[in-house]
Every structure is written in C-alpha cells, then in structure tokens.
Amino acid sequence: MLPARERGDDLRVRVSAPVTGHDLLIIWFAHGFGSNPDGYAPLTDYWAAHGFVMIQATHLAPEG
C-alpha cells in the first residue's frame, strides 16, 4: 500500500519479482482502467519468473 492522503484512499500495489537476481529490469504494468491487477497475475508472474520486477498499481477512479 502506498499512502494517497489527498485522495482519501491508499493505493494498492502488487509487486512480483524473481526470488534471486541483481540488476533486474523493472516493468510498470498499467492494466486497463477498472481492471483488477490480480487478473493479470499469470502474465506478470511469468515475466517475474523470467527476470523482471513487475509493478502493478490499482488505479484510483477520477474524482468528479
């Protein structure tokens, strides 16, 4: 969780990474608006198993 005080709701982040490694490449995976990042777990876990650090954030809905 990352604090997002100005929004009144914390930002949920899912990180998948290899168990070992160094100098790993990072992919910030922006899933479609309204989608649940857990739905992409098979894909992001696959990339993580092949040497990438995967970061997914739950997008906050725009105010208004």
Foldseek 3Di string as FASTA:
>chain_A
DADDVVVPDGKDKDKAAAPDDPPFAEDEDEDDQPDDVVVCVVVQNVVRNVGYIYMYIHDDDDDD
